[in-house]
Amino acid sequence: MLSDPNRREFLHLSASGALLSALACKADPAPDNAVGEWRNRRPGMSYRRLGRTDFMISEIICGGNTISPTNYDHVITAFELGLNYFDTAIQYGRGKSEAGYAQALKAVGRDNVFLTSKASPWLDDRNDALQKVYESLPDSEKKKIDDAVREKIEERHALDEDYLCNYFDSQRAQVEKSVRANLVEERFGDKVQRPKKLKQAMIDHVEDSLRRLETDHLDIVMCPHAASTYAETQSHELFEGFEQLKQAGKVRHLGVSAHNDPAAVLEGAVDSGVYSAAMVAYNIVNKDYLQSALTKASKADLGVIAMKVARPVNHGRNNGKPNDPRRVAMIEQHNPTEGLHVAQKCYLWALEDYRIAACNSEMINLELVEQNVPLAFKKSLGA
């Protein structure tokens, strides 16, 4: 928790003229009397409705990649300031994130937050199984598939630098692997028996997540975690797994997450008629690629959370990589306000978009909570 002097300093930061000025451009939050499911409703925090889930979520939510059983106290502080959505995944710290959030949930009360985790094994199992089929093919068939992979990727502009944004080193290979798996499935799907295995993989993953989180249900399970193509959002066996989990009261809604070709994944989520929400990479660098898909999602009442909002402009994580001056200039030209960090400007840029319910901020410590949570304090700042 924040001590009194730190809290006063925090509120002083929140009320700074720079932040006040920047907040004036934000899209309007949900009104106080908005119909929906409210949790941890606090004066001053701004909330928006997450599409057809009807969840009223804080405009800034907490990503979980660095949360662990020894690094979660700052999450409680964020909760005290009105944040009400926790995001995690089995891949984050190999389960440590979920274990860390279990401790945070004990402190704040499970029913006071919306909780999401992600089902990773489904996508891994699918692509690995189809990769083995590809490797078993004669060279002539491999070449046909390789040519088709290149054509599909070029058609989608999936590897354009400003669309890909290079969030992690294996990203290009991930795109190619997923597109290849789709093509192999179309042409040689009879060579692999996977529906029962994949459905069970999803169910097993959720069961494991619930044990680590020490809770009996997720508000949203995102599956696939890190989808790369439209086709990955159209799995009937995945939908069957979700329905079984929903009937058992272990999950409430199905979501999907995507770094790669987020427009295609978003469109696929809408077209499926099953997904209620999506968490996709959306930022000032890749924005032009997503406009049509975001409008389609909004019209369909599919809730959208923006992630990787600041990463293309601000590397962070002390990884030693310099920020791209061209990309920094993009956000500085949009928001020249002095006194704000470039990452804060990126979040505020995304919150200008009414089609976005919230920004996922990977707040690894109290300092980042102090920097980013105030971005959602529209009402208390009088903006």
Protein backbone atom coordinates (compact mmCIF):
# COMPACT_ATOMS: atom_id res chain seq x y z
CA MET A 1 0.00 0.00 0.00
CA LEU A 2 1.00 3.61 -0.43
CA SER A 3 2.06 5.44 2.71
CA ASP A 4 0.39 8.80 3.32
CA PRO A 5 3.31 10.90 1.97
CA ASN A 6 3.58 8.70 -1.11
CA ARG A 7 -0.17 8.85 -1.65
CA ARG A 8 -0.12 12.65 -1.48
CA GLU A 9 2.74 12.69 -3.99
CA PHE A 10 0.78 10.30 -6.18
CA LEU A 11 -2.33 12.46 -6.11
CA HIS A 12 -0.21 15.50 -6.87
CA LEU A 13 1.13 13.69 -9.93
CA SER A 14 -2.41 12.73 -10.92
CA ALA A 15 -3.57 16.32 -10.74
CA SER A 16 -0.69 17.77 -12.74
CA GLY A 17 -1.54 20.24 -15.46
CA ALA A 18 0.11 18.06 -18.09
CA LEU A 19 -2.11 15.10 -17.30
CA LEU A 20 -5.20 17.25 -17.05
CA SER A 21 -4.54 18.70 -20.48
CA ALA A 22 -3.88 15.32 -22.05
CA LEU A 23 -6.97 13.73 -20.53
CA ALA A 24 -9.19 16.27 -22.22
CA CYS A 25 -8.80 14.31 -25.48
CA LYS A 26 -9.92 10.95 -24.07
CA ALA A 27 -13.10 9.30 -25.26
CA ASP A 28 -15.89 9.60 -22.72
CA PRO A 29 -16.01 6.80 -20.14
CA ALA A 30 -19.20 5.01 -19.24
CA PRO A 31 -21.59 7.19 -17.20
CA ASP A 32 -22.00 6.34 -13.53
CA ASN A 33 -25.46 4.91 -14.16
CA ALA A 34 -24.35 2.68 -17.04
CA VAL A 35 -25.99 -0.74 -16.97
CA GLY A 36 -23.45 -3.51 -16.61
CA GLU A 37 -21.55 -5.64 -14.12
CA TRP A 38 -19.51 -3.43 -11.80
CA ARG A 39 -16.63 -4.45 -9.55
CA ASN A 40 -14.35 -2.38 -7.31
CA ARG A 41 -16.12 0.79 -8.34
CA ARG A 42 -14.13 3.73 -6.97
CA PRO A 43 -14.71 7.48 -7.14
CA GLY A 44 -12.56 9.06 -9.80
CA MET A 45 -11.68 5.93 -11.77
CA SER A 46 -13.08 5.80 -15.30
CA TYR A 47 -14.68 2.58 -16.53
CA ARG A 48 -15.89 1.34 -19.89
CA ARG A 49 -18.09 -1.57 -20.92
CA LEU A 50 -16.23 -4.55 -22.38
CA GLY A 51 -18.64 -5.34 -25.18
CA ARG A 52 -21.17 -8.08 -24.74
CA THR A 53 -19.52 -9.34 -21.55
CA ASP A 54 -21.22 -6.33 -19.89
CA PHE A 55 -18.16 -6.05 -17.62
CA MET A 56 -17.48 -2.46 -16.59
CA ILE A 57 -13.69 -2.49 -16.55
CA SER A 58 -11.17 0.15 -15.55
CA GLU A 59 -9.62 2.00 -18.48
CA ILE A 60 -6.20 0.78 -17.36
CA ILE A 61 -5.89 -2.91 -16.52
CA CYS A 62 -3.00 -4.89 -15.11
CA GLY A 63 -0.94 -7.19 -17.33
CA GLY A 64 0.69 -10.11 -15.56
CA ASN A 65 3.92 -11.08 -17.30
CA THR A 66 6.11 -10.06 -14.33
CA ILE A 67 3.69 -10.77 -11.48
CA SER A 68 4.91 -13.48 -9.10
CA PRO A 69 4.44 -14.63 -5.50
CA THR A 70 7.15 -12.12 -4.54
CA ASN A 71 6.02 -9.27 -6.81
CA TYR A 72 2.37 -8.38 -6.44
CA ASP A 73 2.01 -5.70 -3.72
CA HIS A 74 1.79 -2.94 -6.34
CA VAL A 75 -1.22 -4.72 -7.86
CA ILE A 76 -3.05 -4.23 -4.57
CA THR A 77 -2.24 -0.52 -4.70
CA ALA A 78 -3.61 -0.35 -8.25
CA PHE A 79 -6.76 -2.09 -7.01
CA GLU A 80 -7.14 0.48 -4.23
CA LEU A 81 -7.12 3.16 -6.91
CA GLY A 82 -9.96 1.52 -8.84
CA LEU A 83 -8.29 -0.97 -11.18
CA ASN A 84 -10.55 -4.03 -11.44
CA TYR A 85 -9.21 -6.35 -14.15
CA PHE A 86 -6.30 -8.78 -13.75
CA ASP A 87 -4.74 -10.40 -16.82
CA THR A 88 -2.46 -13.42 -16.67
CA ALA A 89 -1.43 -16.59 -18.54
CA ILE A 90 0.24 -19.92 -17.86
CA GLN A 91 3.23 -18.84 -19.94
CA TYR A 92 3.93 -15.82 -17.75
CA GLY A 93 6.76 -16.94 -15.51
CA ARG A 94 5.80 -20.57 -16.16
CA GLY A 95 2.87 -20.29 -13.79
CA LYS A 96 4.45 -17.83 -11.34
CA SER A 97 2.18 -15.03 -12.55
CA GLU A 98 -0.95 -17.00 -11.75
CA ALA A 99 0.49 -17.94 -8.35
CA GLY A 100 1.26 -14.28 -7.68
CA TYR A 101 -2.22 -13.20 -8.63
CA ALA A 102 -3.58 -15.85 -6.27
CA GLN A 103 -2.00 -13.90 -3.43
CA ALA A 104 -3.36 -10.60 -4.75
CA LEU A 105 -6.84 -12.09 -5.04
CA LYS A 106 -6.73 -13.17 -1.41
CA ALA A 107 -5.89 -9.59 -0.45
CA VAL A 108 -8.52 -7.81 -2.54
CA GLY A 109 -11.27 -10.44 -2.74
CA ARG A 110 -11.92 -12.60 -5.79
CA ASP A 111 -15.39 -11.18 -6.40
CA ASN A 112 -14.03 -7.63 -6.57
CA VAL A 113 -12.10 -8.09 -9.83
CA PHE A 114 -12.52 -9.51 -13.30
CA LEU A 115 -9.99 -12.27 -13.92
CA THR A 116 -8.62 -13.51 -17.23
CA SER A 117 -6.12 -16.21 -18.05
CA LYS A 118 -5.08 -17.64 -21.40
CA ALA A 119 -5.06 -21.17 -22.79
CA SER A 120 -1.70 -21.59 -24.48
CA PRO A 121 -1.40 -25.36 -25.07
CA TRP A 122 -4.27 -25.41 -27.55
CA LEU A 123 -2.37 -23.41 -30.15
CA ASP A 124 0.97 -25.06 -29.44
CA ASP A 125 -0.47 -28.57 -29.75
CA ARG A 126 -2.30 -27.73 -32.95
CA ASN A 127 0.64 -26.13 -34.72
CA ASP A 128 3.17 -28.70 -33.52
CA ALA A 129 0.99 -31.58 -34.74
CA LEU A 130 0.53 -29.99 -38.16
CA GLN A 131 4.23 -29.11 -38.37
CA LYS A 132 5.02 -32.82 -38.05
CA VAL A 133 2.66 -33.53 -40.96
CA TYR A 134 4.46 -30.86 -43.01
CA GLU A 135 7.85 -32.39 -42.24
CA SER A 136 6.60 -35.80 -43.42
CA LEU A 137 5.63 -34.50 -46.87
CA PRO A 138 7.74 -34.91 -50.00
CA ASP A 139 9.82 -31.90 -51.02
CA SER A 140 7.51 -31.08 -53.91
CA GLU A 141 4.52 -30.70 -51.56
CA LYS A 142 6.58 -28.72 -49.06
CA LYS A 143 7.52 -26.27 -51.81
CA LYS A 144 3.87 -25.76 -52.76
CA ILE A 145 3.01 -25.03 -49.16
CA ASP A 146 6.01 -22.73 -48.70
CA ASP A 147 5.00 -20.72 -51.77
CA ALA A 148 1.43 -20.49 -50.48
CA VAL A 149 2.67 -19.35 -47.06
CA ARG A 150 4.59 -16.47 -48.62
CA GLU A 151 1.59 -15.51 -50.72
CA LYS A 152 -0.78 -15.52 -47.73
CA ILE A 153 1.59 -13.44 -45.62
CA GLU A 154 2.11 -10.90 -48.37
CA GLU A 155 -1.63 -10.69 -48.98
CA ARG A 156 -2.21 -9.88 -45.30
CA HIS A 157 0.88 -7.63 -44.99
CA ALA A 158 1.45 -9.64 -41.83
CA LEU A 159 5.20 -9.03 -41.77
CA ASP A 160 5.13 -5.32 -42.61
CA GLU A 161 7.44 -3.63 -40.13
CA ASP A 162 4.81 -1.21 -38.85
CA TYR A 163 2.21 -3.95 -38.54
CA LEU A 164 4.40 -6.62 -36.97
CA CYS A 165 6.13 -4.07 -34.71
CA ASN A 166 8.62 -6.74 -33.56
CA TYR A 167 7.45 -7.13 -29.97
CA PHE A 168 9.59 -10.26 -29.45
CA ASP A 169 12.33 -12.09 -31.33
CA SER A 170 10.34 -15.16 -32.40
CA GLN A 171 7.43 -13.19 -33.81
CA ARG A 172 8.18 -13.68 -37.50
CA ALA A 173 8.67 -17.40 -37.07
CA GLN A 174 5.38 -17.57 -35.16
CA VAL A 175 3.50 -15.98 -38.05
CA GLU A 176 5.01 -18.34 -40.59
CA LYS A 177 4.37 -21.41 -38.42
CA SER A 178 0.71 -20.53 -37.94
CA VAL A 179 0.05 -19.79 -41.61
CA ARG A 180 1.82 -23.03 -42.57
CA ALA A 181 -0.27 -25.00 -40.07
CA ASN A 182 -3.48 -23.61 -41.56
CA LEU A 183 -2.46 -24.63 -45.07
CA VAL A 184 -1.36 -28.10 -43.99
CA GLU A 185 -4.66 -28.58 -42.21
CA GLU A 186 -6.61 -27.54 -45.30
CA ARG A 187 -4.74 -29.99 -47.53
CA PHE A 188 -3.68 -32.84 -45.26
CA GLY A 189 -5.87 -32.51 -42.18
CA ASP A 190 -6.88 -36.15 -42.42
CA LYS A 191 -3.33 -37.14 -41.51
CA VAL A 192 -3.63 -35.91 -37.94
CA GLN A 193 -6.28 -36.80 -35.39
CA ARG A 194 -6.45 -33.76 -33.14
CA PRO A 195 -9.97 -32.59 -32.17
CA LYS A 196 -10.31 -34.62 -28.98
CA LYS A 197 -6.74 -33.88 -27.97
CA LEU A 198 -7.09 -30.14 -28.45
CA LYS A 199 -10.43 -29.88 -26.72
CA GLN A 200 -8.98 -31.71 -23.73
CA ALA A 201 -5.81 -29.61 -23.82
CA MET A 202 -7.89 -26.46 -23.43
CA ILE A 203 -9.90 -27.95 -20.56
CA ASP A 204 -6.78 -29.23 -18.80
CA HIS A 205 -5.11 -25.85 -19.13
CA VAL A 206 -8.04 -24.03 -17.53
CA GLU A 207 -8.15 -26.56 -14.71
CA ASP A 208 -4.43 -26.01 -14.08
CA SER A 209 -4.87 -22.23 -14.13
CA LEU A 210 -7.72 -22.40 -11.64
CA ARG A 211 -5.56 -24.44 -9.26
CA ARG A 212 -2.69 -21.94 -9.43
CA LEU A 213 -5.02 -18.96 -9.09
CA GLU A 214 -6.82 -20.69 -6.20
CA THR A 215 -10.24 -19.81 -7.58
CA ASP A 216 -13.15 -21.73 -9.03
CA HIS A 217 -13.72 -19.75 -12.22
CA LEU A 218 -12.32 -17.32 -14.78
CA ASP A 219 -14.39 -14.43 -16.05
CA ILE A 220 -12.70 -14.78 -19.43
CA VAL A 221 -10.45 -17.47 -20.86
CA MET A 222 -8.52 -16.30 -23.91
CA CYS A 223 -7.90 -19.11 -26.34
CA PRO A 224 -5.93 -19.21 -28.48
CA HIS A 225 -3.35 -17.20 -26.60
CA ALA A 226 -1.35 -15.28 -29.21
CA ALA A 227 -3.31 -16.26 -32.30
CA SER A 228 -1.73 -15.20 -35.59
CA THR A 229 -4.41 -15.89 -38.21
CA TYR A 230 -8.14 -15.73 -38.87
CA ALA A 231 -8.37 -19.53 -39.12
CA GLU A 232 -7.25 -19.98 -35.53
CA THR A 233 -10.44 -18.29 -34.34
CA GLN A 234 -12.72 -20.76 -36.13
CA SER A 235 -12.08 -23.99 -34.21
CA HIS A 236 -15.19 -26.00 -33.44
CA GLU A 237 -13.31 -28.23 -31.02
CA LEU A 238 -12.15 -25.14 -29.14
CA PHE A 239 -15.73 -23.90 -28.96
CA GLU A 240 -16.81 -27.30 -27.64
CA GLY A 241 -14.16 -27.10 -24.92
CA PHE A 242 -15.31 -23.61 -23.97
CA GLU A 243 -18.95 -24.69 -23.82
CA GLN A 244 -18.08 -27.61 -21.55
CA LEU A 245 -16.13 -25.31 -19.23
CA LYS A 246 -18.93 -22.74 -19.27
CA GLN A 247 -21.57 -25.30 -18.41
CA ALA A 248 -19.41 -26.41 -15.50
CA GLY A 249 -19.24 -22.82 -14.24
CA LYS A 250 -15.47 -22.63 -14.68
CA VAL A 251 -15.39 -19.89 -17.33
CA ARG A 252 -17.91 -17.21 -18.25
CA HIS A 253 -16.74 -15.83 -21.59
CA LEU A 254 -14.37 -16.75 -24.41
CA GLY A 255 -11.75 -14.29 -25.61
CA VAL A 256 -8.72 -14.34 -27.89
CA SER A 257 -5.39 -12.53 -27.81
CA ALA A 258 -3.17 -11.55 -30.74
CA HIS A 259 0.12 -9.82 -31.40
CA ASN A 260 0.34 -10.96 -35.02
CA ASP A 261 -2.11 -9.81 -37.72
CA PRO A 262 -4.47 -8.54 -35.02
CA ALA A 263 -6.96 -7.26 -37.63
CA ALA A 264 -7.48 -10.77 -39.02
CA VAL A 265 -7.83 -12.26 -35.54
CA LEU A 266 -10.29 -9.55 -34.53
CA GLU A 267 -12.38 -10.12 -37.64
CA GLY A 268 -12.31 -13.86 -37.03
CA ALA A 269 -13.48 -13.40 -33.46
CA VAL A 270 -16.45 -11.37 -34.68
CA ASP A 271 -17.32 -13.82 -37.46
CA SER A 272 -17.21 -16.80 -35.09
CA GLY A 273 -20.21 -15.54 -33.14
CA VAL A 274 -18.72 -17.23 -30.06
CA TYR A 275 -16.09 -14.82 -28.81
CA SER A 276 -17.13 -12.03 -26.46
CA ALA A 277 -13.81 -10.19 -26.20
CA ALA A 278 -10.37 -9.82 -27.74
CA MET A 279 -7.06 -8.44 -26.53
CA VAL A 280 -5.07 -7.26 -29.52
CA ALA A 281 -1.92 -5.29 -30.25
CA TYR A 282 -3.04 -1.76 -31.11
CA ASN A 283 -0.88 1.33 -31.09
CA ILE A 284 -0.09 4.50 -32.98
CA VAL A 285 2.34 2.57 -35.21
CA ASN A 286 0.02 -0.22 -36.44
CA LYS A 287 -3.26 1.73 -36.22
CA ASP A 288 -3.93 2.02 -39.96
CA TYR A 289 -4.02 -1.76 -40.32
CA LEU A 290 -6.78 -2.19 -37.73
CA GLN A 291 -9.34 0.50 -38.43
CA SER A 292 -11.83 -1.62 -40.37
CA ALA A 293 -11.56 -4.54 -37.94
CA LEU A 294 -12.07 -2.31 -34.90
CA THR A 295 -15.19 -0.78 -36.40
CA LYS A 296 -16.50 -4.25 -37.23
CA ALA A 297 -15.87 -5.38 -33.66
CA SER A 298 -17.59 -2.31 -32.24
CA LYS A 299 -20.69 -2.85 -34.37
CA ALA A 300 -20.80 -6.49 -33.27
CA ASP A 301 -20.42 -5.50 -29.59
CA LEU A 302 -17.20 -7.49 -29.24
CA GLY A 303 -15.20 -6.06 -26.35
CA VAL A 304 -11.66 -4.96 -27.25
CA ILE A 305 -8.70 -4.42 -24.93
CA ALA A 306 -5.61 -2.82 -26.47
CA MET A 307 -2.23 -4.30 -25.60
CA LYS A 308 1.31 -3.49 -26.75
CA VAL A 309 0.09 0.10 -26.80
CA ALA A 310 3.43 1.64 -25.84
CA ARG A 311 5.91 -1.09 -26.75
CA PRO A 312 6.68 -0.08 -30.38
CA VAL A 313 7.50 3.45 -29.22
CA ASN A 314 9.01 2.74 -25.81
CA HIS A 315 10.93 -0.53 -25.42
CA GLY A 316 11.12 -0.37 -21.64
CA ARG A 317 12.09 -3.46 -19.64
CA ASN A 318 15.67 -2.11 -19.54
CA ASN A 319 16.52 -4.31 -22.51
CA GLY A 320 19.05 -1.86 -23.87
CA LYS A 321 17.28 -1.37 -27.18
CA PRO A 322 17.04 2.25 -28.31
CA ASN A 323 13.64 3.68 -29.14
CA ASP A 324 12.94 4.27 -32.82
CA PRO A 325 13.08 8.07 -33.35
CA ARG A 326 10.53 7.89 -36.16
CA ARG A 327 8.02 6.13 -33.95
CA VAL A 328 8.69 8.41 -31.00
CA ALA A 329 8.02 11.36 -33.30
CA MET A 330 4.64 9.89 -34.22
CA ILE A 331 3.36 10.05 -30.65
CA GLU A 332 5.10 13.33 -29.83
CA GLN A 333 3.48 15.01 -32.82
CA HIS A 334 0.10 13.68 -31.73
CA ASN A 335 0.59 14.75 -28.11
CA PRO A 336 3.29 17.39 -27.57
CA THR A 337 2.31 17.91 -23.91
CA GLU A 338 5.37 18.38 -21.73
CA GLY A 339 5.60 16.56 -18.43
CA LEU A 340 4.30 13.20 -19.67
CA HIS A 341 6.36 10.11 -20.40
CA VAL A 342 6.16 8.85 -23.98
CA ALA A 343 4.50 5.64 -22.76
CA GLN A 344 1.79 7.66 -20.99
CA LYS A 345 1.12 9.50 -24.23
CA CYS A 346 0.70 6.17 -26.00
CA TYR A 347 -1.93 4.99 -23.51
CA LEU A 348 -3.78 8.28 -23.72
CA TRP A 349 -3.72 8.04 -27.52
CA ALA A 350 -5.44 4.64 -27.38
CA LEU A 351 -8.01 5.85 -24.84
CA GLU A 352 -9.15 8.50 -27.29
CA ASP A 353 -10.69 5.63 -29.29
CA TYR A 354 -14.24 4.83 -28.18
CA ARG A 355 -13.90 1.33 -29.69
CA ILE A 356 -11.31 0.42 -27.05
CA ALA A 357 -12.53 -0.58 -23.58
CA ALA A 358 -9.15 -0.44 -21.85
CA CYS A 359 -5.38 -0.52 -22.22
CA ASN A 360 -3.37 -3.40 -20.80
CA SER A 361 -0.40 -1.93 -18.96
CA GLU A 362 2.36 -4.20 -17.75
CA MET A 363 2.96 -2.41 -14.46
CA ILE A 364 5.90 -4.24 -12.98
CA ASN A 365 6.27 -2.07 -9.87
CA LEU A 366 4.77 0.75 -7.81
CA GLU A 367 6.47 3.40 -9.92
CA LEU A 368 4.60 2.30 -13.02
CA VAL A 369 1.35 2.08 -11.10
CA GLU A 370 1.89 5.72 -10.14
CA GLN A 371 2.59 6.64 -13.75
CA ASN A 372 -0.14 4.72 -15.54
CA VAL A 373 -3.18 4.27 -13.30
CA PRO A 374 -3.82 8.06 -13.18
CA LEU A 375 -4.38 7.98 -16.93
CA ALA A 376 -7.83 6.58 -16.16
CA PHE A 377 -8.63 9.17 -13.49
CA LYS A 378 -10.63 11.36 -15.82
CA LYS A 379 -13.50 12.29 -13.54
CA SER A 380 -11.44 13.12 -10.46
CA LEU A 381 -9.27 15.42 -12.56
CA GLY A 382 -12.28 17.28 -13.87
CA ALA A 383 -11.48 16.55 -17.52
